[in-house]
Amino acid sequence: MSVPFAAASNAYASAAQLGNTGQQGAQLAQKPSNGPDFGEMLTQSLTEVVETGRVADQKAMDLVNGDSNVVDVVTAISETEIAMETVVTIRDRVITAYESIMQMPI
């Protein structure tokens, strides 16, 4: 399945606007909290997953150029796969929780 460039560009722009709106709303309704902010934790985790993917890509390119060995590439790809599986599991659990909340009687 291919995604047109314009559609991807619009999706990234929409996501950026949503992120900015969320930050402005968070600044307006600041409450003291004892724990870490879920949004910040999620953003940090996703950033780490993306960075892990970039490292794996770079190691794969180094292997193609003859600057790396297969073990390093396989390890980096495995780390990326585990990180992605974790993100997908968290997403699935959030969706399940949302569906449970929506089924609750008012």
PDB file of N, CA and C in Angstrom:
ATOM      1  N   MET A   1       0.848  -1.165   0.000  1.00  0.00           N
ATOM      2  CA  MET A   1       0.000   0.000   0.000  1.00  0.00           C
ATOM      3  C   MET A   1       0.893   1.228   0.000  1.00  0.00           C
ATOM      4  N   SER A   2       0.717   2.098  -0.965  1.00  0.00           N
ATOM      5  CA  SER A   2       1.501   3.312  -1.009  1.00  0.00           C
ATOM      6  C   SER A   2       0.656   4.490  -0.537  1.00  0.00           C
ATOM      7  N   VAL A   3       1.332   5.407   0.113  1.00  0.00           N
ATOM      8  CA  VAL A   3       0.668   6.601   0.632  1.00  0.00           C
ATOM      9  C   VAL A   3       1.187   7.800  -0.157  1.00  0.00           C
ATOM     10  N   PRO A   4       0.284   8.587  -0.735  1.00  0.00           N
ATOM     11  CA  PRO A   4       0.744   9.759  -1.478  1.00  0.00           C
ATOM     12  C   PRO A   4       1.489  10.720  -0.553  1.00  0.00           C
ATOM     13  N   PHE A   5       2.463  11.406  -1.119  1.00  0.00           N
ATOM     14  CA  PHE A   5       3.274  12.337  -0.327  1.00  0.00           C
ATOM     15  C   PHE A   5       2.412  13.413   0.312  1.00  0.00           C
ATOM     16  N   ALA A   6       1.439  13.943  -0.411  1.00  0.00           N
ATOM     17  CA  ALA A   6       0.588  15.010   0.122  1.00  0.00           C
ATOM     18  C   ALA A   6      -0.204  14.523   1.338  1.00  0.00           C
ATOM     19  N   ALA A   7      -0.683  13.297   1.298  1.00  0.00           N
ATOM     20  CA  ALA A   7      -1.442  12.751   2.425  1.00  0.00           C
ATOM     21  C   ALA A   7      -0.550  12.609   3.649  1.00  0.00           C
ATOM     22  N   ALA A   8       0.661  12.122   3.453  1.00  0.00           N
ATOM     23  CA  ALA A   8       1.589  11.979   4.572  1.00  0.00           C
ATOM     24  C   ALA A   8       1.962  13.342   5.134  1.00  0.00           C
ATOM     25  N   SER A   9       2.195  14.295   4.263  1.00  0.00           N
ATOM     26  CA  SER A   9       2.547  15.647   4.694  1.00  0.00           C
ATOM     27  C   SER A   9       1.414  16.273   5.510  1.00  0.00           C
ATOM     28  N   ASN A  10       0.181  16.094   5.035  1.00  0.00           N
ATOM     29  CA  ASN A  10      -0.976  16.627   5.772  1.00  0.00           C
ATOM     30  C   ASN A  10      -1.124  15.946   7.128  1.00  0.00           C
ATOM     31  N   ALA A  11      -0.867  14.659   7.193  1.00  0.00           N
ATOM     32  CA  ALA A  11      -0.974  13.935   8.464  1.00  0.00           C
ATOM     33  C   ALA A  11       0.060  14.440   9.462  1.00  0.00           C
ATOM     34  N   TYR A  12       1.289  14.672   9.004  1.00  0.00           N
ATOM     35  CA  TYR A  12       2.315  15.188   9.908  1.00  0.00           C
ATOM     36  C   TYR A  12       1.975  16.607  10.372  1.00  0.00           C
ATOM     37  N   ALA A  13       1.448  17.416   9.484  1.00  0.00           N
ATOM     38  CA  ALA A  13       1.059  18.776   9.867  1.00  0.00           C
ATOM     39  C   ALA A  13      -0.071  18.756  10.890  1.00  0.00           C
ATOM     40  N   SER A  14      -1.039  17.877  10.691  1.00  0.00           N
ATOM     41  CA  SER A  14      -2.143  17.762  11.648  1.00  0.00           C
ATOM     42  C   SER A  14      -1.640  17.288  13.003  1.00  0.00           C
ATOM     43  N   ALA A  15      -0.729  16.337  12.995  1.00  0.00           N
ATOM     44  CA  ALA A  15      -0.176  15.829  14.253  1.00  0.00           C
ATOM     45  C   ALA A  15       0.595  16.923  14.982  1.00  0.00           C
ATOM     46  N   ALA A  16       1.318  17.744  14.236  1.00  0.00           N
ATOM     47  CA  ALA A  16       2.061  18.837  14.860  1.00  0.00           C
ATOM     48  C   ALA A  16       1.109  19.857  15.479  1.00  0.00           C
ATOM     49  N   GLN A  17       0.005  20.152  14.792  1.00  0.00           N
ATOM     50  CA  GLN A  17      -0.978  21.090  15.336  1.00  0.00           C
ATOM     51  C   GLN A  17      -1.617  20.534  16.593  1.00  0.00           C
ATOM     52  N   LEU A  18      -1.933  19.241  16.600  1.00  0.00           N
ATOM     53  CA  LEU A  18      -2.504  18.621  17.787  1.00  0.00           C
ATOM     54  C   LEU A  18      -1.525  18.674  18.944  1.00  0.00           C
ATOM     55  N   GLY A  19      -0.260  18.446  18.654  1.00  0.00           N
ATOM     56  CA  GLY A  19       0.755  18.517  19.697  1.00  0.00           C
ATOM     57  C   GLY A  19       0.872  19.903  20.278  1.00  0.00           C
ATOM     58  N   ASN A  20       0.821  20.929  19.421  1.00  0.00           N
ATOM     59  CA  ASN A  20       0.903  22.307  19.906  1.00  0.00           C
ATOM     60  C   ASN A  20      -0.325  22.675  20.731  1.00  0.00           C
ATOM     61  N   THR A  21      -1.496  22.246  20.304  1.00  0.00           N
ATOM     62  CA  THR A  21      -2.718  22.528  21.047  1.00  0.00           C
ATOM     63  C   THR A  21      -2.666  21.871  22.411  1.00  0.00           C
ATOM     64  N   GLY A  22      -2.170  20.651  22.464  1.00  0.00           N
ATOM     65  CA  GLY A  22      -2.060  19.944  23.734  1.00  0.00           C
ATOM     66  C   GLY A  22      -1.105  20.640  24.688  1.00  0.00           C
ATOM     67  N   GLN A  23      -0.015  21.179  24.165  1.00  0.00           N
ATOM     68  CA  GLN A  23       0.939  21.882  25.010  1.00  0.00           C
ATOM     69  C   GLN A  23       0.344  23.169  25.540  1.00  0.00           C
ATOM     70  N   GLN A  24      -0.415  23.897  24.715  1.00  0.00           N
ATOM     71  CA  GLN A  24      -1.036  25.133  25.163  1.00  0.00           C
ATOM     72  C   GLN A  24      -2.079  24.847  26.227  1.00  0.00           C
ATOM     73  N   GLY A  25      -2.858  23.788  26.036  1.00  0.00           N
ATOM     74  CA  GLY A  25      -3.864  23.419  27.025  1.00  0.00           C
ATOM     75  C   GLY A  25      -3.220  22.991  28.327  1.00  0.00           C
ATOM     76  N   ALA A  26      -2.101  22.307  28.234  1.00  0.00           N
ATOM     77  CA  ALA A  26      -1.410  21.868  29.441  1.00  0.00           C
ATOM     78  C   ALA A  26      -0.848  23.067  30.202  1.00  0.00           C
ATOM     79  N   GLN A  27      -0.396  24.088  29.481  1.00  0.00           N
ATOM     80  CA  GLN A  27       0.115  25.278  30.144  1.00  0.00           C
ATOM     81  C   GLN A  27      -1.000  26.044  30.834  1.00  0.00           C
ATOM     82  N   LEU A  28      -2.203  26.037  30.259  1.00  0.00           N
ATOM     83  CA  LEU A  28      -3.324  26.748  30.866  1.00  0.00           C
ATOM     84  C   LEU A  28      -3.829  26.041  32.115  1.00  0.00           C
ATOM     85  N   ALA A  29      -3.786  24.756  32.125  1.00  0.00           N
ATOM     86  CA  ALA A  29      -4.344  23.999  33.241  1.00  0.00           C
ATOM     87  C   ALA A  29      -3.246  23.259  33.991  1.00  0.00           C
ATOM     88  N   GLN A  30      -2.214  23.972  34.408  1.00  0.00           N
ATOM     89  CA  GLN A  30      -1.117  23.338  35.117  1.00  0.00           C
ATOM     90  C   GLN A  30      -1.548  23.027  36.542  1.00  0.00           C
ATOM     91  N   LYS A  31      -1.331  21.777  36.907  1.00  0.00           N
ATOM     92  CA  LYS A  31      -1.632  21.334  38.251  1.00  0.00           C
ATOM     93  C   LYS A  31      -0.364  20.702  38.817  1.00  0.00           C
ATOM     94  N   PRO A  32      -0.139  20.896  40.089  1.00  0.00           N
ATOM     95  CA  PRO A  32       1.018  20.209  40.649  1.00  0.00           C
ATOM     96  C   PRO A  32       0.760  18.702  40.663  1.00  0.00           C
ATOM     97  N   SER A  33       1.733  17.938  40.267  1.00  0.00           N
ATOM     98  CA  SER A  33       1.567  16.489  40.262  1.00  0.00           C
ATOM     99  C   SER A  33       2.770  15.847  40.928  1.00  0.00           C
ATOM    100  N   ASN A  34       2.530  14.686  41.453  1.00  0.00           N
ATOM    101  CA  ASN A  34       3.601  13.973  42.136  1.00  0.00           C
ATOM    102  C   ASN A  34       4.342  13.027  41.210  1.00  0.00           C
ATOM    103  N   GLY A  35       3.714  12.640  40.101  1.00  0.00           N
ATOM    104  CA  GLY A  35       4.314  11.675  39.194  1.00  0.00           C
ATOM    105  C   GLY A  35       4.670  12.296  37.860  1.00  0.00           C
ATOM    106  N   PRO A  36       5.278  11.490  36.990  1.00  0.00           N
ATOM    107  CA  PRO A  36       5.628  11.987  35.658  1.00  0.00           C
ATOM    108  C   PRO A  36       4.379  12.197  34.810  1.00  0.00           C
ATOM    109  N   ASP A  37       4.459  13.125  33.897  1.00  0.00           N
ATOM    110  CA  ASP A  37       3.355  13.420  32.989  1.00  0.00           C
ATOM    111  C   ASP A  37       3.287  12.321  31.931  1.00  0.00           C
ATOM    112  N   PHE A  38       2.093  11.762  31.735  1.00  0.00           N
ATOM    113  CA  PHE A  38       1.925  10.651  30.793  1.00  0.00           C
ATOM    114  C   PHE A  38       2.283  11.081  29.377  1.00  0.00           C
ATOM    115  N   GLY A  39       1.864  12.274  28.983  1.00  0.00           N
ATOM    116  CA  GLY A  39       2.157  12.756  27.632  1.00  0.00           C
ATOM    117  C   GLY A  39       3.649  12.893  27.387  1.00  0.00           C
ATOM    118  N   GLU A  40       4.355  13.430  28.360  1.00  0.00           N
ATOM    119  CA  GLU A  40       5.804  13.573  28.219  1.00  0.00           C
ATOM    120  C   GLU A  40       6.486  12.208  28.165  1.00  0.00           C
ATOM    121  N   MET A  41       6.010  11.287  28.999  1.00  0.00           N
ATOM    122  CA  MET A  41       6.574   9.947  29.011  1.00  0.00           C
ATOM    123  C   MET A  41       6.340   9.249  27.667  1.00  0.00           C
ATOM    124  N   LEU A  42       5.145   9.411  27.111  1.00  0.00           N
ATOM    125  CA  LEU A  42       4.825   8.805  25.830  1.00  0.00           C
ATOM    126  C   LEU A  42       5.664   9.415  24.713  1.00  0.00           C
ATOM    127  N   THR A  43       5.801  10.730  24.722  1.00  0.00           N
ATOM    128  CA  THR A  43       6.611  11.414  23.707  1.00  0.00           C
ATOM    129  C   THR A  43       8.059  10.958  23.776  1.00  0.00           C
ATOM    130  N   GLN A  44       8.587  10.855  24.985  1.00  0.00           N
ATOM    131  CA  GLN A  44       9.974  10.415  25.159  1.00  0.00           C
ATOM    132  C   GLN A  44      10.152   8.981  24.671  1.00  0.00           C
ATOM    133  N   SER A  45       9.202   8.119  24.981  1.00  0.00           N
ATOM    134  CA  SER A  45       9.291   6.725  24.555  1.00  0.00           C
ATOM    135  C   SER A  45       9.245   6.601  23.038  1.00  0.00           C
ATOM    136  N   LEU A  46       8.347   7.354  22.406  1.00  0.00           N
ATOM    137  CA  LEU A  46       8.258   7.302  20.938  1.00  0.00           C
ATOM    138  C   LEU A  46       9.517   7.853  20.288  1.00  0.00           C
ATOM    139  N   THR A  47      10.087   8.885  20.884  1.00  0.00           N
ATOM    140  CA  THR A  47      11.335   9.445  20.366  1.00  0.00           C
ATOM    141  C   THR A  47      12.451   8.415  20.453  1.00  0.00           C
ATOM    142  N   GLU A  48      12.487   7.673  21.548  1.00  0.00           N
ATOM    143  CA  GLU A  48      13.506   6.635  21.701  1.00  0.00           C
ATOM    144  C   GLU A  48      13.313   5.512  20.682  1.00  0.00           C
ATOM    145  N   VAL A  49      12.077   5.153  20.384  1.00  0.00           N
ATOM    146  CA  VAL A  49      11.809   4.113  19.391  1.00  0.00           C
ATOM    147  C   VAL A  49      12.283   4.572  18.014  1.00  0.00           C
ATOM    148  N   VAL A  50      11.983   5.814  17.676  1.00  0.00           N
ATOM    149  CA  VAL A  50      12.420   6.346  16.377  1.00  0.00           C
ATOM    150  C   VAL A  50      13.943   6.364  16.304  1.00  0.00           C
ATOM    151  N   GLU A  51      14.588   6.778  17.384  1.00  0.00           N
ATOM    152  CA  GLU A  51      16.050   6.825  17.397  1.00  0.00           C
ATOM    153  C   GLU A  51      16.645   5.416  17.276  1.00  0.00           C
ATOM    154  N   THR A  52      16.025   4.437  17.923  1.00  0.00           N
ATOM    155  CA  THR A  52      16.482   3.052  17.817  1.00  0.00           C
ATOM    156  C   THR A  52      16.380   2.579  16.369  1.00  0.00           C
ATOM    157  N   GLY A  53      15.300   2.952  15.685  1.00  0.00           N
ATOM    158  CA  GLY A  53      15.140   2.601  14.274  1.00  0.00           C
ATOM    159  C   GLY A  53      16.193   3.245  13.402  1.00  0.00           C
ATOM    160  N   ARG A  54      16.524   4.489  13.710  1.00  0.00           N
ATOM    161  CA  ARG A  54      17.559   5.181  12.924  1.00  0.00           C
ATOM    162  C   ARG A  54      18.923   4.519  13.110  1.00  0.00           C
ATOM    163  N   VAL A  55      19.216   4.108  14.351  1.00  0.00           N
ATOM    164  CA  VAL A  55      20.483   3.422  14.609  1.00  0.00           C
ATOM    165  C   VAL A  55      20.539   2.119  13.823  1.00  0.00           C
ATOM    166  N   ALA A  56      19.436   1.364  13.816  1.00  0.00           N
ATOM    167  CA  ALA A  56      19.397   0.111  13.061  1.00  0.00           C
ATOM    168  C   ALA A  56      19.593   0.367  11.570  1.00  0.00           C
ATOM    169  N   ASP A  57      18.955   1.405  11.056  1.00  0.00           N
ATOM    170  CA  ASP A  57      19.127   1.752   9.636  1.00  0.00           C
ATOM    171  C   ASP A  57      20.581   2.101   9.331  1.00  0.00           C
ATOM    172  N   GLN A  58      21.200   2.867  10.218  1.00  0.00           N
ATOM    173  CA  GLN A  58      22.589   3.263  10.000  1.00  0.00           C
ATOM    174  C   GLN A  58      23.517   2.047  10.035  1.00  0.00           C
ATOM    175  N   LYS A  59      23.257   1.134  10.963  1.00  0.00           N
ATOM    176  CA  LYS A  59      24.086  -0.078  11.040  1.00  0.00           C
ATOM    177  C   LYS A  59      23.901  -0.939   9.785  1.00  0.00           C
ATOM    178  N   ALA A  60      22.685  -1.002   9.273  1.00  0.00           N
ATOM    179  CA  ALA A  60      22.443  -1.760   8.043  1.00  0.00           C
ATOM    180  C   ALA A  60      23.195  -1.131   6.875  1.00  0.00           C
ATOM    181  N   MET A  61      23.183   0.189   6.798  1.00  0.00           N
ATOM    182  CA  MET A  61      23.924   0.868   5.728  1.00  0.00           C
ATOM    183  C   MET A  61      25.424   0.663   5.898  1.00  0.00           C
ATOM    184  N   ASP A  62      25.896   0.655   7.160  1.00  0.00           N
ATOM    185  CA  ASP A  62      27.315   0.379   7.399  1.00  0.00           C
ATOM    186  C   ASP A  62      27.682  -1.027   6.947  1.00  0.00           C
ATOM    187  N   LEU A  63      26.757  -1.986   7.143  1.00  0.00           N
ATOM    188  CA  LEU A  63      27.011  -3.355   6.693  1.00  0.00           C
ATOM    189  C   LEU A  63      27.120  -3.408   5.172  1.00  0.00           C
ATOM    190  N   VAL A  64      26.234  -2.695   4.493  1.00  0.00           N
ATOM    191  CA  VAL A  64      26.272  -2.658   3.029  1.00  0.00           C
ATOM    192  C   VAL A  64      27.594  -2.069   2.544  1.00  0.00           C
ATOM    193  N   ASN A  65      28.081  -1.055   3.270  1.00  0.00           N
ATOM    194  CA  ASN A  65      29.341  -0.411   2.890  1.00  0.00           C
ATOM    195  C   ASN A  65      30.567  -1.184   3.370  1.00  0.00           C
ATOM    196  N   GLY A  66      30.347  -2.251   4.164  1.00  0.00           N
ATOM    197  CA  GLY A  66      31.458  -3.057   4.657  1.00  0.00           C
ATOM    198  C   GLY A  66      32.083  -2.527   5.928  1.00  0.00           C
ATOM    199  N   ASP A  67      31.414  -1.613   6.629  1.00  0.00           N
ATOM    200  CA  ASP A  67      31.970  -1.014   7.841  1.00  0.00           C
ATOM    201  C   ASP A  67      31.424  -1.634   9.125  1.00  0.00           C
ATOM    202  N   SER A  68      30.580  -2.635   9.021  1.00  0.00           N
ATOM    203  CA  SER A  68      29.949  -3.221  10.199  1.00  0.00           C
ATOM    204  C   SER A  68      29.857  -4.726  10.015  1.00  0.00           C
ATOM    205  N   ASN A  69      29.523  -5.433  11.099  1.00  0.00           N
ATOM    206  CA  ASN A  69      29.350  -6.871  10.962  1.00  0.00           C
ATOM    207  C   ASN A  69      27.885  -7.245  11.147  1.00  0.00           C
ATOM    208  N   VAL A  70      27.560  -8.463  10.782  1.00  0.00           N
ATOM    209  CA  VAL A  70      26.182  -8.934  10.770  1.00  0.00           C
ATOM    210  C   VAL A  70      25.591  -8.974  12.181  1.00  0.00           C
ATOM    211  N   VAL A  71      26.395  -9.320  13.172  1.00  0.00           N
ATOM    212  CA  VAL A  71      25.903  -9.440  14.540  1.00  0.00           C
ATOM    213  C   VAL A  71      25.373  -8.094  15.042  1.00  0.00           C
ATOM    214  N   ASP A  72      26.111  -7.019  14.767  1.00  0.00           N
ATOM    215  CA  ASP A  72      25.663  -5.686  15.189  1.00  0.00           C
ATOM    216  C   ASP A  72      24.349  -5.297  14.521  1.00  0.00           C
ATOM    217  N   VAL A  73      24.213  -5.619  13.256  1.00  0.00           N
ATOM    218  CA  VAL A  73      22.997  -5.285  12.512  1.00  0.00           C
ATOM    219  C   VAL A  73      21.803  -6.076  13.054  1.00  0.00           C
ATOM    220  N   VAL A  74      21.990  -7.363  13.259  1.00  0.00           N
ATOM    221  CA  VAL A  74      20.909  -8.202  13.771  1.00  0.00           C
ATOM    222  C   VAL A  74      20.498  -7.745  15.167  1.00  0.00           C
ATOM    223  N   THR A  75      21.462  -7.399  16.005  1.00  0.00           N
ATOM    224  CA  THR A  75      21.155  -6.910  17.353  1.00  0.00           C
ATOM    225  C   THR A  75      20.372  -5.608  17.296  1.00  0.00           C
ATOM    226  N   ALA A  76      20.779  -4.684  16.452  1.00  0.00           N
ATOM    227  CA  ALA A  76      20.081  -3.397  16.334  1.00  0.00           C
ATOM    228  C   ALA A  76      18.669  -3.588  15.807  1.00  0.00           C
ATOM    229  N   ILE A  77      18.499  -4.460  14.840  1.00  0.00           N
ATOM    230  CA  ILE A  77      17.165  -4.717  14.288  1.00  0.00           C
ATOM    231  C   ILE A  77      16.278  -5.387  15.335  1.00  0.00           C
ATOM    232  N   SER A  78      16.841  -6.294  16.120  1.00  0.00           N
ATOM    233  CA  SER A  78      16.071  -6.947  17.184  1.00  0.00           C
ATOM    234  C   SER A  78      15.624  -5.948  18.241  1.00  0.00           C
ATOM    235  N   GLU A  79      16.503  -5.021  18.601  1.00  0.00           N
ATOM    236  CA  GLU A  79      16.142  -3.980  19.567  1.00  0.00           C
ATOM    237  C   GLU A  79      15.005  -3.112  19.035  1.00  0.00           C
ATOM    238  N   THR A  80      15.076  -2.785  17.758  1.00  0.00           N
ATOM    239  CA  THR A  80      14.016  -1.989  17.141  1.00  0.00           C
ATOM    240  C   THR A  80      12.705  -2.764  17.116  1.00  0.00           C
ATOM    241  N   GLU A  81      12.774  -4.038  16.797  1.00  0.00           N
ATOM    242  CA  GLU A  81      11.571  -4.868  16.758  1.00  0.00           C
ATOM    243  C   GLU A  81      10.914  -4.955  18.136  1.00  0.00           C
ATOM    244  N   ILE A  82      11.706  -5.138  19.173  1.00  0.00           N
ATOM    245  CA  ILE A  82      11.167  -5.206  20.535  1.00  0.00           C
ATOM    246  C   ILE A  82      10.538  -3.876  20.926  1.00  0.00           C
ATOM    247  N   ALA A  83      11.191  -2.776  20.587  1.00  0.00           N
ATOM    248  CA  ALA A  83      10.646  -1.454  20.907  1.00  0.00           C
ATOM    249  C   ALA A  83       9.310  -1.220  20.192  1.00  0.00           C
ATOM    250  N   MET A  84       9.230  -1.623  18.920  1.00  0.00           N
ATOM    251  CA  MET A  84       7.983  -1.452  18.174  1.00  0.00           C
ATOM    252  C   MET A  84       6.873  -2.333  18.743  1.00  0.00           C
ATOM    253  N   GLU A  85       7.202  -3.557  19.126  1.00  0.00           N
ATOM    254  CA  GLU A  85       6.203  -4.438  19.723  1.00  0.00           C
ATOM    255  C   GLU A  85       5.676  -3.853  21.035  1.00  0.00           C
ATOM    256  N   THR A  86       6.552  -3.213  21.796  1.00  0.00           N
ATOM    257  CA  THR A  86       6.137  -2.572  23.039  1.00  0.00           C
ATOM    258  C   THR A  86       5.167  -1.432  22.758  1.00  0.00           C
ATOM    259  N   VAL A  87       5.481  -0.614  21.766  1.00  0.00           N
ATOM    260  CA  VAL A  87       4.604   0.507  21.406  1.00  0.00           C
ATOM    261  C   VAL A  87       3.243  -0.011  20.943  1.00  0.00           C
ATOM    262  N   VAL A  88       3.230  -1.055  20.142  1.00  0.00           N
ATOM    263  CA  VAL A  88       1.975  -1.616  19.650  1.00  0.00           C
ATOM    264  C   VAL A  88       1.162  -2.197  20.806  1.00  0.00           C
ATOM    265  N   THR A  89       1.814  -2.843  21.753  1.00  0.00           N
ATOM    266  CA  THR A  89       1.117  -3.396  22.911  1.00  0.00           C
ATOM    267  C   THR A  89       0.494  -2.289  23.751  1.00  0.00           C
ATOM    268  N   ILE A  90       1.236  -1.226  23.974  1.00  0.00           N
ATOM    269  CA  ILE A  90       0.699  -0.092  24.736  1.00  0.00           C
ATOM    270  C   ILE A  90      -0.489   0.519  23.999  1.00  0.00           C
ATOM    271  N   ARG A  91      -0.366   0.686  22.695  1.00  0.00           N
ATOM    272  CA  ARG A  91      -1.469   1.227  21.909  1.00  0.00           C
ATOM    273  C   ARG A  91      -2.711   0.357  22.039  1.00  0.00           C
ATOM    274  N   ASP A  92      -2.533  -0.953  21.927  1.00  0.00           N
ATOM    275  CA  ASP A  92      -3.668  -1.869  22.033  1.00  0.00           C
ATOM    276  C   ASP A  92      -4.332  -1.782  23.403  1.00  0.00           C
ATOM    277  N   ARG A  93      -3.535  -1.662  24.443  1.00  0.00           N
ATOM    278  CA  ARG A  93      -4.109  -1.566  25.793  1.00  0.00           C
ATOM    279  C   ARG A  93      -4.831  -0.246  26.015  1.00  0.00           C
ATOM    280  N   VAL A  94      -4.317   0.824  25.454  1.00  0.00           N
ATOM    281  CA  VAL A  94      -5.002   2.113  25.564  1.00  0.00           C
ATOM    282  C   VAL A  94      -6.341   2.058  24.837  1.00  0.00           C
ATOM    283  N   ILE A  95      -6.356   1.450  23.669  1.00  0.00           N
ATOM    284  CA  ILE A  95      -7.610   1.320  22.914  1.00  0.00           C
ATOM    285  C   ILE A  95      -8.605   0.452  23.679  1.00  0.00           C
ATOM    286  N   THR A  96      -8.138  -0.638  24.270  1.00  0.00           N
ATOM    287  CA  THR A  96      -9.015  -1.503  25.055  1.00  0.00           C
ATOM    288  C   THR A  96      -9.584  -0.753  26.255  1.00  0.00           C
ATOM    289  N   ALA A  97      -8.751   0.036  26.922  1.00  0.00           N
ATOM    290  CA  ALA A  97      -9.227   0.819  28.066  1.00  0.00           C
ATOM    291  C   ALA A  97     -10.256   1.850  27.624  1.00  0.00           C
ATOM    292  N   TYR A  98     -10.012   2.493  26.502  1.00  0.00           N
ATOM    293  CA  TYR A  98     -10.955   3.480  25.982  1.00  0.00           C
ATOM    294  C   TYR A  98     -12.292   2.823  25.660  1.00  0.00           C
ATOM    295  N   GLU A  99     -12.247   1.669  25.015  1.00  0.00           N
ATOM    296  CA  GLU A  99     -13.481   0.957  24.680  1.00  0.00           C
ATOM    297  C   GLU A  99     -14.240   0.549  25.942  1.00  0.00           C
ATOM    298  N   SER A 100     -13.512   0.141  26.971  1.00  0.00           N
ATOM    299  CA  SER A 100     -14.152  -0.229  28.241  1.00  0.00           C
ATOM    300  C   SER A 100     -14.840   0.975  28.880  1.00  0.00           C
ATOM    301  N   ILE A 101     -14.162   2.107  28.829  1.00  0.00           N
ATOM    302  CA  ILE A 101     -14.752   3.333  29.395  1.00  0.00           C
ATOM    303  C   ILE A 101     -15.979   3.740  28.614  1.00  0.00           C
ATOM    304  N   MET A 102     -15.937   3.617  27.296  1.00  0.00           N
ATOM    305  CA  MET A 102     -17.094   4.001  26.481  1.00  0.00           C
ATOM    306  C   MET A 102     -18.294   3.085  26.705  1.00  0.00           C
ATOM    307  N   GLN A 103     -18.076   1.858  27.156  1.00  0.00           N
ATOM    308  CA  GLN A 103     -19.175   0.930  27.397  1.00  0.00           C
ATOM    309  C   GLN A 103     -19.775   1.084  28.795  1.00  0.00           C
ATOM    310  N   MET A 104     -19.146   1.892  29.635  1.00  0.00           N
ATOM    311  CA  MET A 104     -19.671   2.065  30.996  1.00  0.00           C
ATOM    312  C   MET A 104     -20.991   2.845  30.957  1.00  0.00           C
ATOM    313  N   PRO A 105     -21.948   2.431  31.788  1.00  0.00           N
ATOM    314  CA  PRO A 105     -23.196   3.185  31.840  1.00  0.00           C
ATOM    315  C   PRO A 105     -22.990   4.523  32.539  1.00  0.00           C
ATOM    316  N   ILE A 106     -23.749   5.496  32.096  1.00  0.00           N
ATOM    317  CA  ILE A 106     -23.621   6.832  32.683  1.00  0.00           C
ATOM    318  C   ILE A 106     -24.489   6.960  33.904  1.00  0.00           C
TER     319      ILE A 106
END
